Amino acid sequence: MATPSQRKRISLIVLLILYGTADVWCSLPVDLAAEEKVLPPTTLPLTSPSSSITTVNVSTSTYATAIPPIPPSDRDRFLTFAESGHHQTFMFAKDNTYIQLDGDIIQRFQLRLCREISFKFRTRLPHGLLVYHNVKNPVFKMQPYALYVIVEKGELKVVHVFGKHLTSVTVGRALNRDQWHSVVVTIDVHGARLIAKVDHLKEEVYLKGLSFDTNYGITDNLTSVILIGGLSSEEKLHGVKYIIESFVGCISDMVLSSGKAASDLLPIVPLIATKHENVKEGCIDKCRTMENLCFGGSRCINEYNGYRCDCFGTLYEEHLCDVFSEYFYT
């Protein structure tokens, strides 16, 4: 049986143990506590389970929306971008905007062959360059050549330049009402004919300067360059005959075809842009987006790089037709 002094000593040891244990629990990091294991706020971004889950979600979403490009071998005759291949419609809404095709991609698009350009377009502007065709660095001296397909005064105009000869044809009217129009331009080198079609309308003219026997007087292959929607800075320095504004609107279903006869043309497949500047895939109508803030009753007019509100026939005015006026606009 313990003596009073021994019992006192045992009590002291027990107290030391208890206080020591309490000190140990109090000094442990919070995440090592018996039940909760919750870290202080300052360390949450690095190691918390919720942080890891958020990272995974963002990463998964990113990979899910990154659609790989379509292999060139799986593409058809319509123009596409090399990095995508999923869109055949393109929007031109800024200055210095163009799509360029050249080199091996369009090697078959030769001056000595019959050629055809077909596409669809929509715009609200009365002027704009749709397609420009020229040849790059011929190895021999040849007469100047250029082909322009443009919108001029709301009409489709095709201009063919060869040497001192200029041939033009105009077809269609009111083509700048933001509606889709189909275009086909055919050059029959053997018949020396230029044929232009817009929707159901067709015009045909004789190509001045072409010989029925030798066409352009060319038997060798030449490297072509085709610009869509506008001119590159390089082409602007080459003495372009027509200084035309860049196109504002959308172009779709662009196809280039060539062949020995106008009745036997084959499309270039795949047709992939060499480069492009300030062009967006798809065609966005600003009036059909959340950006449209035109007040009810007014008419939204799509301008591709923006929109404007037409207050005609309403009792409102100002930019968004949202300010009441005592005058009725008619």
C-alpha atoms as a PDB file:
ATOM      1  CA  MET A   1       0.000   0.000   0.000  1.00  0.00           C
ATOM      2  CA  ALA A   2       1.393   3.359  -1.073  1.00  0.00           C
ATOM      3  CA  THR A   3       2.436   5.833   1.528  1.00  0.00           C
ATOM      4  CA  PRO A   4       1.083   9.417   1.431  1.00  0.00           C
ATOM      5  CA  SER A   5       4.328  10.654  -0.140  1.00  0.00           C
ATOM      6  CA  GLN A   6       4.131   7.987  -2.895  1.00  0.00           C
ATOM      7  CA  ARG A   7       0.468   8.847  -3.638  1.00  0.00           C
ATOM      8  CA  LYS A   8       1.414  12.519  -3.962  1.00  0.00           C
ATOM      9  CA  ARG A   9       4.228  11.656  -6.363  1.00  0.00           C
ATOM     10  CA  ILE A  10       1.882   9.506  -8.533  1.00  0.00           C
ATOM     11  CA  SER A  11      -0.717  12.312  -8.681  1.00  0.00           C
ATOM     12  CA  LEU A  12       1.968  14.757  -9.837  1.00  0.00           C
ATOM     13  CA  ILE A  13       3.091  12.408 -12.626  1.00  0.00           C
ATOM     14  CA  VAL A  14      -0.517  11.948 -13.802  1.00  0.00           C
ATOM     15  CA  LEU A  15      -1.039  15.708 -13.878  1.00  0.00           C
ATOM     16  CA  LEU A  16       2.167  16.212 -15.883  1.00  0.00           C
ATOM     17  CA  ILE A  17       1.113  13.568 -18.367  1.00  0.00           C
ATOM     18  CA  LEU A  18      -2.356  15.086 -18.784  1.00  0.00           C
ATOM     19  CA  TYR A  19      -1.055  18.625 -19.235  1.00  0.00           C
ATOM     20  CA  GLY A  20       1.656  17.413 -21.599  1.00  0.00           C
ATOM     21  CA  THR A  21      -0.857  15.541 -23.720  1.00  0.00           C
ATOM     22  CA  ALA A  22      -3.134  18.593 -23.917  1.00  0.00           C
ATOM     23  CA  ASP A  23      -0.196  20.709 -24.991  1.00  0.00           C
ATOM     24  CA  VAL A  24       0.641  18.215 -27.734  1.00  0.00           C
ATOM     25  CA  TRP A  25      -2.969  18.237 -29.123  1.00  0.00           C
ATOM     26  CA  CYS A  26      -3.079  22.024 -29.004  1.00  0.00           C
ATOM     27  CA  SER A  27       0.219  22.412 -30.838  1.00  0.00           C
ATOM     28  CA  LEU A  28      -0.600  19.969 -33.678  1.00  0.00           C
ATOM     29  CA  PRO A  29      -1.441  21.426 -37.136  1.00  0.00           C
ATOM     30  CA  VAL A  30      -5.182  21.654 -37.708  1.00  0.00           C
ATOM     31  CA  ASP A  31      -5.175  19.047 -40.495  1.00  0.00           C
ATOM     32  CA  LEU A  32      -3.767  16.462 -38.092  1.00  0.00           C
ATOM     33  CA  ALA A  33      -6.512  16.891 -35.515  1.00  0.00           C
ATOM     34  CA  ALA A  34      -8.390  13.731 -34.667  1.00  0.00           C
ATOM     35  CA  GLU A  35     -11.590  14.249 -36.732  1.00  0.00           C
ATOM     36  CA  GLU A  36     -11.858  17.382 -38.877  1.00  0.00           C
ATOM     37  CA  LYS A  37      -8.549  17.537 -40.764  1.00  0.00           C
ATOM     38  CA  VAL A  38      -9.347  20.958 -42.290  1.00  0.00           C
ATOM     39  CA  LEU A  39      -6.488  23.138 -43.483  1.00  0.00           C
ATOM     40  CA  PRO A  40      -6.154  26.849 -42.794  1.00  0.00           C
ATOM     41  CA  PRO A  41      -7.487  29.082 -45.609  1.00  0.00           C
ATOM     42  CA  THR A  42      -3.996  30.104 -46.723  1.00  0.00           C
ATOM     43  CA  THR A  43      -3.144  26.570 -47.830  1.00  0.00           C
ATOM     44  CA  LEU A  44      -6.455  25.660 -49.507  1.00  0.00           C
ATOM     45  CA  PRO A  45      -5.493  26.574 -53.093  1.00  0.00           C
ATOM     46  CA  LEU A  46      -2.545  24.196 -53.007  1.00  0.00           C
ATOM     47  CA  THR A  47      -3.783  21.028 -51.401  1.00  0.00           C
ATOM     48  CA  SER A  48      -7.511  21.079 -50.691  1.00  0.00           C
ATOM     49  CA  PRO A  49      -9.702  18.406 -52.280  1.00  0.00           C
ATOM     50  CA  SER A  50     -12.071  21.071 -53.640  1.00  0.00           C
ATOM     51  CA  SER A  51      -9.179  22.755 -55.457  1.00  0.00           C
ATOM     52  CA  SER A  52      -8.221  19.533 -57.191  1.00  0.00           C
ATOM     53  CA  ILE A  53     -11.790  18.948 -58.319  1.00  0.00           C
ATOM     54  CA  THR A  54     -12.032  22.458 -59.787  1.00  0.00           C
ATOM     55  CA  THR A  55      -8.828  21.989 -61.740  1.00  0.00           C
ATOM     56  CA  VAL A  56      -9.998  18.716 -63.197  1.00  0.00           C
ATOM     57  CA  ASN A  57     -13.322  20.231 -64.236  1.00  0.00           C
ATOM     58  CA  VAL A  58     -11.685  23.145 -66.059  1.00  0.00           C
ATOM     59  CA  SER A  59      -9.164  20.879 -67.732  1.00  0.00           C
ATOM     60  CA  THR A  60     -11.809  18.417 -68.827  1.00  0.00           C
ATOM     61  CA  SER A  61     -13.963  21.217 -70.257  1.00  0.00           C
ATOM     62  CA  THR A  62     -11.004  22.629 -72.202  1.00  0.00           C
ATOM     63  CA  TYR A  63     -10.168  19.315 -73.822  1.00  0.00           C
ATOM     64  CA  ALA A  64     -13.821  18.623 -74.576  1.00  0.00           C
ATOM     65  CA  THR A  65     -14.213  21.855 -76.586  1.00  0.00           C
ATOM     66  CA  ALA A  66     -10.892  21.586 -78.454  1.00  0.00           C
ATOM     67  CA  ILE A  67     -12.085  19.785 -81.573  1.00  0.00           C
ATOM     68  CA  PRO A  68      -9.185  18.401 -83.614  1.00  0.00           C
ATOM     69  CA  PRO A  69      -8.915  19.561 -87.241  1.00  0.00           C
ATOM     70  CA  ILE A  70     -10.304  17.404 -90.032  1.00  0.00           C
ATOM     71  CA  PRO A  71      -7.469  15.625 -91.893  1.00  0.00           C
ATOM     72  CA  PRO A  72      -6.929  17.087 -95.401  1.00  0.00           C
ATOM     73  CA  SER A  73      -7.661  13.691 -96.944  1.00  0.00           C
ATOM     74  CA  ASP A  74     -11.168  13.781 -95.432  1.00  0.00           C
ATOM     75  CA  ARG A  75     -12.085  17.261 -96.693  1.00  0.00           C
ATOM     76  CA  ASP A  76     -14.195  18.009 -99.755  1.00  0.00           C
ATOM     77  CA  ARG A  77     -14.101  20.722-102.443  1.00  0.00           C
ATOM     78  CA  PHE A  78     -15.165  23.658-100.248  1.00  0.00           C
ATOM     79  CA  LEU A  79     -12.586  26.117 -98.904  1.00  0.00           C
ATOM     80  CA  THR A  80     -11.502  25.518 -95.295  1.00  0.00           C
ATOM     81  CA  PHE A  81      -8.803  26.708 -92.892  1.00  0.00           C
ATOM     82  CA  ALA A  82      -5.839  24.392 -92.310  1.00  0.00           C
ATOM     83  CA  GLU A  83      -6.185  24.543 -88.516  1.00  0.00           C
ATOM     84  CA  SER A  84      -9.860  23.622 -88.522  1.00  0.00           C
ATOM     85  CA  GLY A  85     -11.672  22.233 -91.545  1.00  0.00           C
ATOM     86  CA  HIS A  86     -15.034  22.353 -89.764  1.00  0.00           C
ATOM     87  CA  HIS A  87     -16.323  25.575 -91.370  1.00  0.00           C
ATOM     88  CA  GLN A  88     -17.003  26.515 -94.989  1.00  0.00           C
ATOM     89  CA  THR A  89     -18.417  29.964 -94.200  1.00  0.00           C
ATOM     90  CA  PHE A  90     -16.241  32.950 -93.295  1.00  0.00           C
ATOM     91  CA  MET A  91     -16.945  36.439 -91.976  1.00  0.00           C
ATOM     92  CA  PHE A  92     -15.045  39.545 -93.083  1.00  0.00           C
ATOM     93  CA  ALA A  93     -15.741  42.412 -90.695  1.00  0.00           C
ATOM     94  CA  LYS A  94     -12.541  44.483 -90.532  1.00  0.00           C
ATOM     95  CA  ASP A  95     -10.124  46.359 -92.762  1.00  0.00           C
ATOM     96  CA  ASN A  96      -7.106  44.438 -94.086  1.00  0.00           C
ATOM     97  CA  THR A  97      -9.105  41.223 -94.091  1.00  0.00           C
ATOM     98  CA  TYR A  98      -8.429  38.464 -96.607  1.00  0.00           C
ATOM     99  CA  ILE A  99      -7.965  34.762 -97.287  1.00  0.00           C
ATOM    100  CA  GLN A 100      -5.048  33.747 -99.503  1.00  0.00           C
ATOM    101  CA  LEU A 101      -4.580  30.655-101.657  1.00  0.00           C
ATOM    102  CA  ASP A 102      -1.378  29.959-103.578  1.00  0.00           C
ATOM    103  CA  GLY A 103       1.345  27.412-104.292  1.00  0.00           C
ATOM    104  CA  ASP A 104       0.751  23.693-104.586  1.00  0.00           C
ATOM    105  CA  ILE A 105      -2.745  23.937-103.083  1.00  0.00           C
ATOM    106  CA  ILE A 106      -4.078  25.472-106.309  1.00  0.00           C
ATOM    107  CA  GLN A 107      -1.454  24.184-108.737  1.00  0.00           C
ATOM    108  CA  ARG A 108      -4.201  23.003-111.101  1.00  0.00           C
ATOM    109  CA  PHE A 109      -5.705  26.499-111.375  1.00  0.00           C
ATOM    110  CA  GLN A 110      -3.692  27.396-114.493  1.00  0.00           C
ATOM    111  CA  LEU A 111      -4.132  30.230-116.992  1.00  0.00           C
ATOM    112  CA  ARG A 112      -3.815  27.821-119.903  1.00  0.00           C
ATOM    113  CA  LEU A 113      -6.824  25.845-118.608  1.00  0.00           C
ATOM    114  CA  CYS A 114     -10.513  26.650-118.411  1.00  0.00           C
ATOM    115  CA  ARG A 115     -11.325  27.891-114.919  1.00  0.00           C
ATOM    116  CA  GLU A 116     -14.314  28.426-112.685  1.00  0.00           C
ATOM    117  CA  ILE A 117     -14.884  30.144-109.338  1.00  0.00           C
ATOM    118  CA  SER A 118     -18.117  29.534-107.450  1.00  0.00           C
ATOM    119  CA  PHE A 119     -19.266  30.742-104.030  1.00  0.00           C
ATOM    120  CA  LYS A 120     -22.046  32.417-102.054  1.00  0.00           C
ATOM    121  CA  PHE A 121     -21.937  35.820-100.383  1.00  0.00           C
ATOM    122  CA  ARG A 122     -24.012  38.266 -98.372  1.00  0.00           C
ATOM    123  CA  THR A 123     -23.319  41.915 -97.554  1.00  0.00           C
ATOM    124  CA  ARG A 124     -24.924  45.265 -96.797  1.00  0.00           C
ATOM    125  CA  LEU A 125     -22.306  47.398 -98.515  1.00  0.00           C
ATOM    126  CA  PRO A 126     -22.575  48.396-102.197  1.00  0.00           C
ATOM    127  CA  HIS A 127     -18.847  47.942-102.854  1.00  0.00           C
ATOM    128  CA  GLY A 128     -16.273  45.287-101.988  1.00  0.00           C
ATOM    129  CA  LEU A 129     -13.707  42.879-103.412  1.00  0.00           C
ATOM    130  CA  LEU A 130     -14.912  39.282-103.452  1.00  0.00           C
ATOM    131  CA  VAL A 131     -12.146  37.439-105.356  1.00  0.00           C
ATOM    132  CA  TYR A 132      -8.859  38.470-106.985  1.00  0.00           C
ATOM    133  CA  HIS A 133      -6.709  36.166-109.161  1.00  0.00           C
ATOM    134  CA  ASN A 134      -3.185  36.772-110.433  1.00  0.00           C
ATOM    135  CA  VAL A 135       0.014  34.847-111.135  1.00  0.00           C
ATOM    136  CA  LYS A 136       3.161  34.951-109.019  1.00  0.00           C
ATOM    137  CA  ASN A 137       6.667  35.525-110.345  1.00  0.00           C
ATOM    138  CA  PRO A 138       6.391  34.083-113.888  1.00  0.00           C
ATOM    139  CA  VAL A 139       9.718  32.677-115.100  1.00  0.00           C
ATOM    140  CA  PHE A 140       9.220  34.351-118.478  1.00  0.00           C
ATOM    141  CA  LYS A 141       7.936  37.751-119.507  1.00  0.00           C
ATOM    142  CA  MET A 142       4.191  37.770-120.080  1.00  0.00           C
ATOM    143  CA  GLN A 143       1.519  40.378-120.514  1.00  0.00           C
ATOM    144  CA  PRO A 144      -0.127  41.592-117.305  1.00  0.00           C
ATOM    145  CA  TYR A 145      -3.068  39.480-116.168  1.00  0.00           C
ATOM    146  CA  ALA A 146      -5.632  39.899-113.397  1.00  0.00           C
ATOM    147  CA  LEU A 147      -9.183  38.831-112.637  1.00  0.00           C
ATOM    148  CA  TYR A 148     -11.459  40.751-110.263  1.00  0.00           C
ATOM    149  CA  VAL A 149     -14.837  39.647-108.940  1.00  0.00           C
ATOM    150  CA  ILE A 150     -16.349  42.580-107.087  1.00  0.00           C
ATOM    151  CA  VAL A 151     -19.534  44.110-105.763  1.00  0.00           C
ATOM    152  CA  GLU A 152     -19.945  47.528-107.333  1.00  0.00           C
ATOM    153  CA  LYS A 153     -23.015  49.692-106.758  1.00  0.00           C
ATOM    154  CA  GLY A 154     -24.836  46.644-105.452  1.00  0.00           C
ATOM    155  CA  GLU A 155     -24.164  44.666-108.651  1.00  0.00           C
ATOM    156  CA  LEU A 156     -21.741  41.843-109.390  1.00  0.00           C
ATOM    157  CA  LYS A 157     -18.952  42.957-111.693  1.00  0.00           C
ATOM    158  CA  VAL A 158     -16.246  40.727-113.168  1.00  0.00           C
ATOM    159  CA  VAL A 159     -13.185  42.413-114.673  1.00  0.00           C
ATOM    160  CA  HIS A 160     -10.637  40.506-116.776  1.00  0.00           C
ATOM    161  CA  VAL A 161      -7.344  42.234-117.566  1.00  0.00           C
ATOM    162  CA  PHE A 162      -4.868  40.833-120.094  1.00  0.00           C
ATOM    163  CA  GLY A 163      -2.188  43.069-121.521  1.00  0.00           C
ATOM    164  CA  LYS A 164      -3.800  46.289-122.724  1.00  0.00           C
ATOM    165  CA  HIS A 165      -7.210  44.650-122.959  1.00  0.00           C
ATOM    166  CA  LEU A 166      -9.878  45.010-120.299  1.00  0.00           C
ATOM    167  CA  THR A 167     -13.105  43.018-120.414  1.00  0.00           C
ATOM    168  CA  SER A 168     -15.892  43.460-117.889  1.00  0.00           C
ATOM    169  CA  VAL A 169     -19.369  42.082-117.350  1.00  0.00           C
ATOM    170  CA  THR A 170     -22.042  43.127-114.855  1.00  0.00           C
ATOM    171  CA  VAL A 171     -24.943  41.022-113.618  1.00  0.00           C
ATOM    172  CA  GLY A 172     -27.542  41.243-110.850  1.00  0.00           C
ATOM    173  CA  ARG A 173     -28.823  44.171-108.846  1.00  0.00           C
ATOM    174  CA  ALA A 174     -29.545  45.099-105.233  1.00  0.00           C
ATOM    175  CA  LEU A 175     -27.089  42.448-104.035  1.00  0.00           C
ATOM    176  CA  ASN A 176     -26.306  44.393-100.856  1.00  0.00           C
ATOM    177  CA  ARG A 177     -29.456  43.684 -98.847  1.00  0.00           C
ATOM    178  CA  ASP A 178     -27.829  41.156 -96.526  1.00  0.00           C
ATOM    179  CA  GLN A 179     -29.240  38.154 -98.388  1.00  0.00           C
ATOM    180  CA  TRP A 180     -27.312  35.137 -99.664  1.00  0.00           C
ATOM    181  CA  HIS A 181     -26.487  35.137-103.397  1.00  0.00           C
ATOM    182  CA  SER A 182     -24.871  32.374-105.464  1.00  0.00           C
ATOM    183  CA  VAL A 183     -22.065  33.311-107.882  1.00  0.00           C
ATOM    184  CA  VAL A 184     -20.378  31.341-110.668  1.00  0.00           C
ATOM    185  CA  VAL A 185     -17.614  32.884-112.795  1.00  0.00           C
ATOM    186  CA  THR A 186     -16.326  30.795-115.712  1.00  0.00           C
ATOM    187  CA  ILE A 187     -13.437  31.531-118.078  1.00  0.00           C
ATOM    188  CA  ASP A 188     -13.564  29.433-121.236  1.00  0.00           C
ATOM    189  CA  VAL A 189     -10.094  29.937-122.696  1.00  0.00           C
ATOM    190  CA  HIS A 190     -10.841  27.942-125.855  1.00  0.00           C
ATOM    191  CA  GLY A 191     -13.979  29.897-126.643  1.00  0.00           C
ATOM    192  CA  ALA A 192     -12.498  33.154-125.268  1.00  0.00           C
ATOM    193  CA  ARG A 193     -15.644  33.617-123.181  1.00  0.00           C
ATOM    194  CA  LEU A 194     -16.259  35.152-119.770  1.00  0.00           C
ATOM    195  CA  ILE A 195     -19.471  33.925-118.149  1.00  0.00           C
ATOM    196  CA  ALA A 196     -20.890  35.404-114.942  1.00  0.00           C
ATOM    197  CA  LYS A 197     -23.917  34.068-113.073  1.00  0.00           C
ATOM    198  CA  VAL A 198     -25.706  35.439-110.012  1.00  0.00           C
ATOM    199  CA  ASP A 199     -28.576  33.351-108.717  1.00  0.00           C
ATOM    200  CA  HIS A 200     -30.787  32.761-111.803  1.00  0.00           C
ATOM    201  CA  LEU A 201     -29.209  35.556-113.910  1.00  0.00           C
ATOM    202  CA  LYS A 202     -26.436  35.037-116.463  1.00  0.00           C
ATOM    203  CA  GLU A 203     -24.280  37.281-118.652  1.00  0.00           C
ATOM    204  CA  GLU A 204     -21.614  36.309-121.181  1.00  0.00           C
ATOM    205  CA  VAL A 205     -18.999  38.379-123.044  1.00  0.00           C
ATOM    206  CA  TYR A 206     -16.084  37.819-125.398  1.00  0.00           C
ATOM    207  CA  LEU A 207     -12.654  38.021-123.751  1.00  0.00           C
ATOM    208  CA  LYS A 208     -10.587  40.662-125.498  1.00  0.00           C
ATOM    209  CA  GLY A 209      -6.956  39.868-126.184  1.00  0.00           C
ATOM    210  CA  LEU A 210      -7.230  36.079-126.072  1.00  0.00           C
ATOM    211  CA  SER A 211      -6.292  34.009-129.113  1.00  0.00           C
ATOM    212  CA  PHE A 212      -8.471  31.044-130.061  1.00  0.00           C
ATOM    213  CA  ASP A 213      -5.296  29.070-130.809  1.00  0.00           C
ATOM    214  CA  THR A 214      -2.857  30.009-128.061  1.00  0.00           C
ATOM    215  CA  ASN A 215      -5.194  31.463-125.412  1.00  0.00           C
ATOM    216  CA  TYR A 216      -2.880  33.529-123.202  1.00  0.00           C
ATOM    217  CA  GLY A 217       0.143  32.402-125.216  1.00  0.00           C
ATOM    218  CA  ILE A 218       1.180  30.195-122.292  1.00  0.00           C
ATOM    219  CA  THR A 219       2.039  26.509-122.371  1.00  0.00           C
ATOM    220  CA  ASP A 220       3.866  26.209-119.035  1.00  0.00           C
ATOM    221  CA  ASN A 221       2.422  26.009-115.540  1.00  0.00           C
ATOM    222  CA  LEU A 222       2.372  29.240-113.544  1.00  0.00           C
ATOM    223  CA  THR A 223       1.902  29.704-109.820  1.00  0.00           C
ATOM    224  CA  SER A 224      -1.412  31.370-109.071  1.00  0.00           C
ATOM    225  CA  VAL A 225      -2.392  33.531-106.136  1.00  0.00           C
ATOM    226  CA  ILE A 226      -6.025  34.009-105.172  1.00  0.00           C
ATOM    227  CA  LEU A 227      -7.189  36.508-102.573  1.00  0.00           C
ATOM    228  CA  ILE A 228     -10.689  36.455-101.137  1.00  0.00           C
ATOM    229  CA  GLY A 229     -12.338  39.425 -99.442  1.00  0.00           C
ATOM    230  CA  GLY A 230      -9.415  41.830 -99.772  1.00  0.00           C
ATOM    231  CA  LEU A 231      -5.837  42.343-100.918  1.00  0.00           C
ATOM    232  CA  SER A 232      -2.707  41.503 -98.967  1.00  0.00           C
ATOM    233  CA  SER A 233      -0.100  44.238 -98.551  1.00  0.00           C
ATOM    234  CA  GLU A 234       2.136  42.329-100.970  1.00  0.00           C
ATOM    235  CA  GLU A 235      -0.436  42.412-103.771  1.00  0.00           C
ATOM    236  CA  LYS A 236      -1.209  46.088-103.178  1.00  0.00           C
ATOM    237  CA  LEU A 237       2.393  46.858-104.140  1.00  0.00           C
ATOM    238  CA  HIS A 238       2.147  45.026-107.464  1.00  0.00           C
ATOM    239  CA  GLY A 239       0.242  47.752-109.259  1.00  0.00           C
ATOM    240  CA  VAL A 240      -3.294  46.449-108.902  1.00  0.00           C
ATOM    241  CA  LYS A 241      -5.503  47.996-111.578  1.00  0.00           C
ATOM    242  CA  TYR A 242      -8.598  48.250-109.405  1.00  0.00           C
ATOM    243  CA  ILE A 243      -8.356  49.809-105.975  1.00  0.00           C
ATOM    244  CA  ILE A 244     -11.478  48.399-104.376  1.00  0.00           C
ATOM    245  CA  GLU A 245     -12.594  48.389-100.766  1.00  0.00           C
ATOM    246  CA  SER A 246     -12.267  45.276 -98.645  1.00  0.00           C
ATOM    247  CA  PHE A 247     -15.385  43.159 -98.525  1.00  0.00           C
ATOM    248  CA  VAL A 248     -17.571  43.323 -95.397  1.00  0.00           C
ATOM    249  CA  GLY A 249     -19.944  40.408 -95.027  1.00  0.00           C
ATOM    250  CA  CYS A 250     -19.802  36.627 -95.335  1.00  0.00           C
ATOM    251  CA  ILE A 251     -18.525  34.285 -98.048  1.00  0.00           C
ATOM    252  CA  SER A 252     -19.391  30.594 -98.131  1.00  0.00           C
ATOM    253  CA  ASP A 253     -18.944  27.416-100.192  1.00  0.00           C
ATOM    254  CA  MET A 254     -15.921  28.666-102.159  1.00  0.00           C
ATOM    255  CA  VAL A 255     -14.934  26.194-104.907  1.00  0.00           C
ATOM    256  CA  LEU A 256     -12.170  26.440-107.534  1.00  0.00           C
ATOM    257  CA  SER A 257     -12.380  24.202-110.606  1.00  0.00           C
ATOM    258  CA  SER A 258     -10.286  23.769-113.750  1.00  0.00           C
ATOM    259  CA  GLY A 259     -10.024  21.555-116.800  1.00  0.00           C
ATOM    260  CA  LYS A 260      -9.142  21.331-120.481  1.00  0.00           C
ATOM    261  CA  ALA A 261     -12.734  22.100-121.456  1.00  0.00           C
ATOM    262  CA  ALA A 262     -15.367  24.336-119.886  1.00  0.00           C
ATOM    263  CA  SER A 263     -17.753  21.389-119.938  1.00  0.00           C
ATOM    264  CA  ASP A 264     -15.328  19.125-118.092  1.00  0.00           C
ATOM    265  CA  LEU A 265     -14.185  21.036-115.017  1.00  0.00           C
ATOM    266  CA  LEU A 266     -13.013  19.290-111.862  1.00  0.00           C
ATOM    267  CA  PRO A 267     -12.877  20.936-108.406  1.00  0.00           C
ATOM    268  CA  ILE A 268      -9.617  21.262-106.493  1.00  0.00           C
ATOM    269  CA  VAL A 269      -9.802  18.904-103.506  1.00  0.00           C
ATOM    270  CA  PRO A 270      -8.947  19.676-100.768  1.00  0.00           C
ATOM    271  CA  LEU A 271      -9.078  23.460-100.998  1.00  0.00           C
ATOM    272  CA  ILE A 272      -7.191  24.763 -97.959  1.00  0.00           C
ATOM    273  CA  ALA A 273      -6.272  28.394 -97.281  1.00  0.00           C
ATOM    274  CA  THR A 274      -2.560  29.200 -97.352  1.00  0.00           C
ATOM    275  CA  LYS A 275      -3.075  32.015 -94.866  1.00  0.00           C
ATOM    276  CA  HIS A 276      -5.761  34.395 -93.647  1.00  0.00           C
ATOM    277  CA  GLU A 277      -5.927  37.722 -91.855  1.00  0.00           C
ATOM    278  CA  ASN A 278      -8.698  38.969 -89.522  1.00  0.00           C
ATOM    279  CA  VAL A 279     -11.220  36.450 -90.886  1.00  0.00           C
ATOM    280  CA  LYS A 280     -13.593  34.580 -88.576  1.00  0.00           C
ATOM    281  CA  GLU A 281     -15.106  31.189 -89.238  1.00  0.00           C
ATOM    282  CA  GLY A 282     -18.893  31.189 -89.432  1.00  0.00           C
ATOM    283  CA  CYS A 283     -21.248  34.084 -90.156  1.00  0.00           C
ATOM    284  CA  ILE A 284     -22.587  36.035 -87.186  1.00  0.00           C
ATOM    285  CA  ASP A 285     -25.682  38.198 -87.479  1.00  0.00           C
ATOM    286  CA  LYS A 286     -25.190  40.809 -84.753  1.00  0.00           C
ATOM    287  CA  CYS A 287     -28.941  41.411 -84.666  1.00  0.00           C
ATOM    288  CA  ARG A 288     -29.506  37.834 -83.526  1.00  0.00           C
ATOM    289  CA  THR A 289     -27.109  38.032 -80.583  1.00  0.00           C
ATOM    290  CA  MET A 290     -27.336  39.416 -77.051  1.00  0.00           C
ATOM    291  CA  GLU A 291     -25.476  42.490 -78.326  1.00  0.00           C
ATOM    292  CA  ASN A 292     -28.668  43.719 -79.993  1.00  0.00           C
ATOM    293  CA  LEU A 293     -30.052  46.418 -77.685  1.00  0.00           C
ATOM    294  CA  CYS A 294     -32.347  48.120 -80.198  1.00  0.00           C
ATOM    295  CA  PHE A 295     -35.515  49.286 -78.459  1.00  0.00           C
ATOM    296  CA  GLY A 296     -38.689  47.365 -79.217  1.00  0.00           C
ATOM    297  CA  GLY A 297     -40.384  48.467 -82.427  1.00  0.00           C
ATOM    298  CA  SER A 298     -37.177  49.648 -84.095  1.00  0.00           C
ATOM    299  CA  ARG A 299     -35.312  47.637 -86.725  1.00  0.00           C
ATOM    300  CA  CYS A 300     -31.849  46.208 -86.121  1.00  0.00           C
ATOM    301  CA  ILE A 301     -29.481  46.399 -89.101  1.00  0.00           C
ATOM    302  CA  ASN A 302     -26.584  43.944 -89.121  1.00  0.00           C
ATOM    303  CA  GLU A 303     -23.251  45.461 -90.150  1.00  0.00           C
ATOM    304  CA  TYR A 304     -21.073  42.436 -89.250  1.00  0.00           C
ATOM    305  CA  ASN A 305     -18.538  44.510 -87.329  1.00  0.00           C
ATOM    306  CA  GLY A 306     -21.457  45.910 -85.332  1.00  0.00           C
ATOM    307  CA  TYR A 307     -25.074  46.897 -85.775  1.00  0.00           C
ATOM    308  CA  ARG A 308     -27.277  49.978 -85.879  1.00  0.00           C
ATOM    309  CA  CYS A 309     -30.875  50.667 -84.988  1.00  0.00           C
ATOM    310  CA  ASP A 310     -33.355  52.107 -87.474  1.00  0.00           C
ATOM    311  CA  CYS A 311     -35.942  54.251 -85.661  1.00  0.00           C
ATOM    312  CA  PHE A 312     -38.095  54.755 -88.769  1.00  0.00           C
ATOM    313  CA  GLY A 313     -41.808  54.418 -87.984  1.00  0.00           C
ATOM    314  CA  THR A 314     -41.358  54.765 -84.222  1.00  0.00           C
ATOM    315  CA  LEU A 315     -41.690  57.520 -81.636  1.00  0.00           C
ATOM    316  CA  TYR A 316     -38.101  57.057 -80.500  1.00  0.00           C
ATOM    317  CA  GLU A 317     -34.676  58.311 -81.490  1.00  0.00           C
ATOM    318  CA  GLU A 318     -30.969  58.171 -80.585  1.00  0.00           C
ATOM    319  CA  HIS A 319     -28.522  55.321 -81.188  1.00  0.00           C
ATOM    320  CA  LEU A 320     -30.667  52.567 -79.664  1.00  0.00           C
ATOM    321  CA  CYS A 321     -34.060  54.148 -80.470  1.00  0.00           C
ATOM    322  CA  ASP A 322     -34.694  54.267 -76.730  1.00  0.00           C
ATOM    323  CA  VAL A 323     -35.322  57.984 -76.217  1.00  0.00           C
ATOM    324  CA  PHE A 324     -38.911  59.179 -76.620  1.00  0.00           C
ATOM    325  CA  SER A 325     -39.479  61.893 -79.200  1.00  0.00           C
ATOM    326  CA  GLU A 326     -42.476  64.112 -79.825  1.00  0.00           C
ATOM    327  CA  TYR A 327     -42.007  63.523 -83.551  1.00  0.00           C
ATOM    328  CA  PHE A 328     -43.116  60.420 -85.440  1.00  0.00           C
ATOM    329  CA  TYR A 329     -40.343  59.291 -87.817  1.00  0.00           C
ATOM    330  CA  THR A 330     -41.649  58.441 -91.294  1.00  0.00           C
END
